[in-house]
Amino acid sequence: MPNKDSRYDLLAKVIDENRNTPGPLMPVLQEAQNIFGCVPEDVQKIIAKELNYTLSEVYGVVTFYAQFTLKPKGKHTISVCLGTACYVKGANEILQRFSKELNLPIGETSDDGKYTLLATRCLGACGLAPVITINEEVYGRLKPDEVPNVIKDYESKHM
C-alpha cells in the first residue's frame, strides 16, 4: 500500500473480505467512503488494481452515485434546494448569499472542514420553499437577507 496511514490497512482488509464475493465493487466503495470520508483517486486506484477493474470503471461508479464523493465533506453540510418550487421563490439568490457569507464556492468544502455548500434538487419540502438543510436541520421560507442569521443561529446551537 502507498501510505503508512492505518486507513489503508482497513481498506486492504475490506478488499480481502470482499474479493471473492459476487459484485465486490459497491461494498468495497461504500466501506472506503466510510473509512476515508470520500473516495479519492489514490483509493480508487488501489480498489481497481486489487479487484481487477479499470480505474475508469471505478471512477464511473464513484461519480455516478450521489452517496460517493471525491473530496471529504465538511462537518456541516448546507444543502440549498434548487427544485422548481424553491428556484422560482429565490433559492438561487439564497445559495449565492451562503457562498458569499461563508466565502465558499458552491460544491466545495471550507479549508477548515467546517462547511460544505451544495446545490441540490428537491428536498421534498416544497411547501416551505425556498428551503435549505444544514445537516438534518430544515430552514424554510428563507430570504437572502436572513442567511447571516441562519448561520449565526445554527452555529450558536451546534458549535
Protein backbone atom coordinates (compact mmCIF):
# COMPACT_ATOMS: atom_id res chain seq x y z
CA MET A 1 0.00 0.00 0.00
CA PRO A 2 1.29 3.51 -0.80
CA ASN A 3 0.83 5.02 2.65
CA LYS A 4 1.55 4.16 6.30
CA ASP A 5 -1.89 5.53 7.20
CA SER A 6 -3.83 2.81 9.08
CA ARG A 7 -6.90 3.57 6.93
CA TYR A 8 -5.12 1.85 4.06
CA ASP A 9 -4.74 -1.27 6.21
CA LEU A 10 -8.51 -1.19 6.84
CA LEU A 11 -9.12 -0.79 3.11
CA ALA A 12 -6.87 -3.80 2.37
CA LYS A 13 -8.86 -5.87 4.86
CA VAL A 14 -12.18 -4.81 3.29
CA ILE A 15 -10.88 -5.68 -0.18
CA ASP A 16 -9.68 -9.09 1.01
CA GLU A 17 -13.05 -9.80 2.69
CA ASN A 18 -14.98 -8.91 -0.48
CA ARG A 19 -12.57 -10.03 -3.20
CA ASN A 20 -14.29 -13.36 -3.93
CA THR A 21 -17.89 -12.28 -3.48
CA PRO A 22 -20.09 -11.52 -6.49
CA GLY A 23 -20.10 -7.80 -7.31
CA PRO A 24 -17.49 -6.69 -4.78
CA LEU A 25 -17.09 -3.13 -6.06
CA MET A 26 -20.07 -1.46 -4.38
CA PRO A 27 -19.49 -2.84 -0.87
CA VAL A 28 -15.78 -2.02 -1.10
CA LEU A 29 -16.51 1.53 -2.29
CA GLN A 30 -19.07 2.02 0.49
CA GLU A 31 -16.55 0.94 3.10
CA ALA A 32 -13.85 3.10 1.51
CA GLN A 33 -16.21 6.08 1.75
CA ASN A 34 -16.75 5.28 5.44
CA ILE A 35 -13.04 4.86 6.12
CA PHE A 36 -11.74 7.93 4.25
CA GLY A 37 -14.81 10.20 4.24
CA CYS A 38 -14.56 10.18 0.45
CA VAL A 39 -13.15 8.03 -2.35
CA PRO A 40 -10.08 9.91 -3.61
CA GLU A 41 -8.13 8.90 -6.71
CA ASP A 42 -5.39 7.02 -4.85
CA VAL A 43 -8.03 4.87 -3.13
CA GLN A 44 -9.80 4.27 -6.45
CA LYS A 45 -6.50 3.11 -7.96
CA ILE A 46 -5.95 0.61 -5.16
CA ILE A 47 -9.50 -0.73 -5.43
CA ALA A 48 -9.26 -1.01 -9.22
CA LYS A 49 -5.95 -2.86 -9.07
CA GLU A 50 -6.93 -5.22 -6.27
CA LEU A 51 -10.38 -6.10 -7.69
CA ASN A 52 -9.27 -6.24 -11.36
CA TYR A 53 -11.33 -3.28 -12.53
CA THR A 54 -10.07 -0.43 -14.66
CA LEU A 55 -9.68 2.93 -12.96
CA SER A 56 -12.28 4.35 -15.33
CA GLU A 57 -14.80 1.69 -14.25
CA VAL A 58 -14.26 2.52 -10.58
CA TYR A 59 -14.35 6.27 -11.26
CA GLY A 60 -17.56 5.82 -13.26
CA VAL A 61 -19.30 4.17 -10.31
CA VAL A 62 -17.96 6.73 -7.81
CA THR A 63 -19.14 9.69 -9.90
CA PHE A 64 -22.50 8.11 -10.86
CA TYR A 65 -23.81 7.50 -7.34
CA ALA A 66 -24.52 10.53 -5.13
CA GLN A 67 -23.53 8.61 -1.99
CA PHE A 68 -19.88 8.79 -3.04
CA THR A 69 -17.73 11.89 -3.03
CA LEU A 70 -14.25 12.56 -4.38
CA LYS A 71 -13.41 15.06 -1.64
CA PRO A 72 -14.19 14.98 2.09
CA LYS A 73 -17.31 16.84 3.15
CA GLY A 74 -17.36 19.38 5.93
CA LYS A 75 -18.71 18.67 9.40
CA HIS A 76 -21.84 20.68 8.49
CA THR A 77 -23.38 20.27 5.03
CA ILE A 78 -25.57 23.12 3.80
CA SER A 79 -27.90 21.91 1.04
CA VAL A 80 -29.87 24.56 -0.83
CA CYS A 81 -32.80 23.17 -2.78
CA LEU A 82 -32.91 24.31 -6.40
CA GLY A 83 -36.01 22.29 -7.29
CA THR A 84 -38.69 24.15 -9.23
CA ALA A 85 -40.75 25.45 -6.28
CA CYS A 86 -37.66 26.66 -4.43
CA TYR A 87 -35.98 28.07 -7.52
CA VAL A 88 -38.93 30.25 -8.51
CA LYS A 89 -39.07 31.60 -4.95
CA GLY A 90 -35.44 32.73 -4.96
CA ALA A 91 -33.36 29.73 -3.90
CA ASN A 92 -30.52 30.62 -6.25
CA GLU A 93 -30.13 34.01 -4.53
CA ILE A 94 -30.04 32.20 -1.17
CA LEU A 95 -27.37 29.83 -2.48
CA GLN A 96 -25.30 32.78 -3.72
CA ARG A 97 -25.68 34.51 -0.35
CA PHE A 98 -24.44 31.44 1.55
CA SER A 99 -21.49 31.30 -0.83
CA LYS A 100 -20.70 34.97 -0.17
CA GLU A 101 -21.23 34.85 3.62
CA LEU A 102 -19.06 31.76 4.05
CA ASN A 103 -16.59 32.75 1.33
CA LEU A 104 -17.16 29.25 -0.03
CA PRO A 105 -17.65 28.20 -3.67
CA ILE A 106 -20.72 26.09 -4.35
CA GLY A 107 -19.91 22.39 -4.25
CA GLU A 108 -16.80 22.93 -2.13
CA THR A 109 -15.74 22.40 1.48
CA SER A 110 -14.22 25.16 3.59
CA ASP A 111 -10.49 24.93 4.29
CA ASP A 112 -11.20 24.40 8.00
CA GLY A 113 -13.51 21.44 7.21
CA LYS A 114 -16.41 23.18 8.90
CA TYR A 115 -18.88 23.57 6.00
CA THR A 116 -19.73 22.04 2.64
CA LEU A 117 -22.11 24.07 0.44
CA LEU A 118 -24.24 22.11 -2.02
CA ALA A 119 -26.90 22.94 -4.58
CA THR A 120 -29.41 20.08 -4.50
CA ARG A 121 -32.55 19.06 -6.27
CA CYS A 122 -35.86 18.65 -4.48
CA LEU A 123 -35.61 18.20 -0.71
CA GLY A 124 -39.28 17.17 -0.53
CA ALA A 125 -40.42 20.23 1.43
CA CYS A 126 -41.95 22.28 -1.39
CA GLY A 127 -44.49 23.87 0.97
CA LEU A 128 -41.55 25.55 2.77
CA ALA A 129 -39.98 26.88 -0.43
CA PRO A 130 -37.34 28.12 -0.62
CA VAL A 131 -35.83 25.55 1.73
CA ILE A 132 -32.36 24.54 2.88
CA THR A 133 -30.98 21.97 5.25
CA ILE A 134 -27.90 22.18 7.41
CA ASN A 135 -27.15 18.56 8.21
CA GLU A 136 -30.60 17.37 9.33
CA GLU A 137 -31.98 20.78 10.35
CA VAL A 138 -34.54 22.33 7.96
CA TYR A 139 -34.91 26.07 7.34
CA GLY A 140 -37.83 27.14 5.16
CA ARG A 141 -39.38 30.21 3.58
CA LEU A 142 -35.97 31.89 3.57
CA LYS A 143 -34.99 35.22 2.12
CA PRO A 144 -31.38 36.01 1.13
CA ASP A 145 -31.11 38.68 3.86
CA GLU A 146 -31.85 36.00 6.50
CA VAL A 147 -28.79 33.88 5.60
CA PRO A 148 -26.37 35.56 8.06
CA ASN A 149 -28.85 34.96 10.90
CA VAL A 150 -29.38 31.34 9.85
CA ILE A 151 -25.61 30.79 10.03
CA LYS A 152 -25.40 32.53 13.43
CA ASP A 153 -28.39 30.58 14.77
CA TYR A 154 -27.00 27.26 13.59
CA GLU A 155 -23.54 27.95 14.95
CA SER A 156 -24.92 29.03 18.34
CA LYS A 157 -26.70 25.68 18.66
CA HIS A 158 -24.14 23.32 17.12
CA MET A 159 -20.63 24.73 17.54
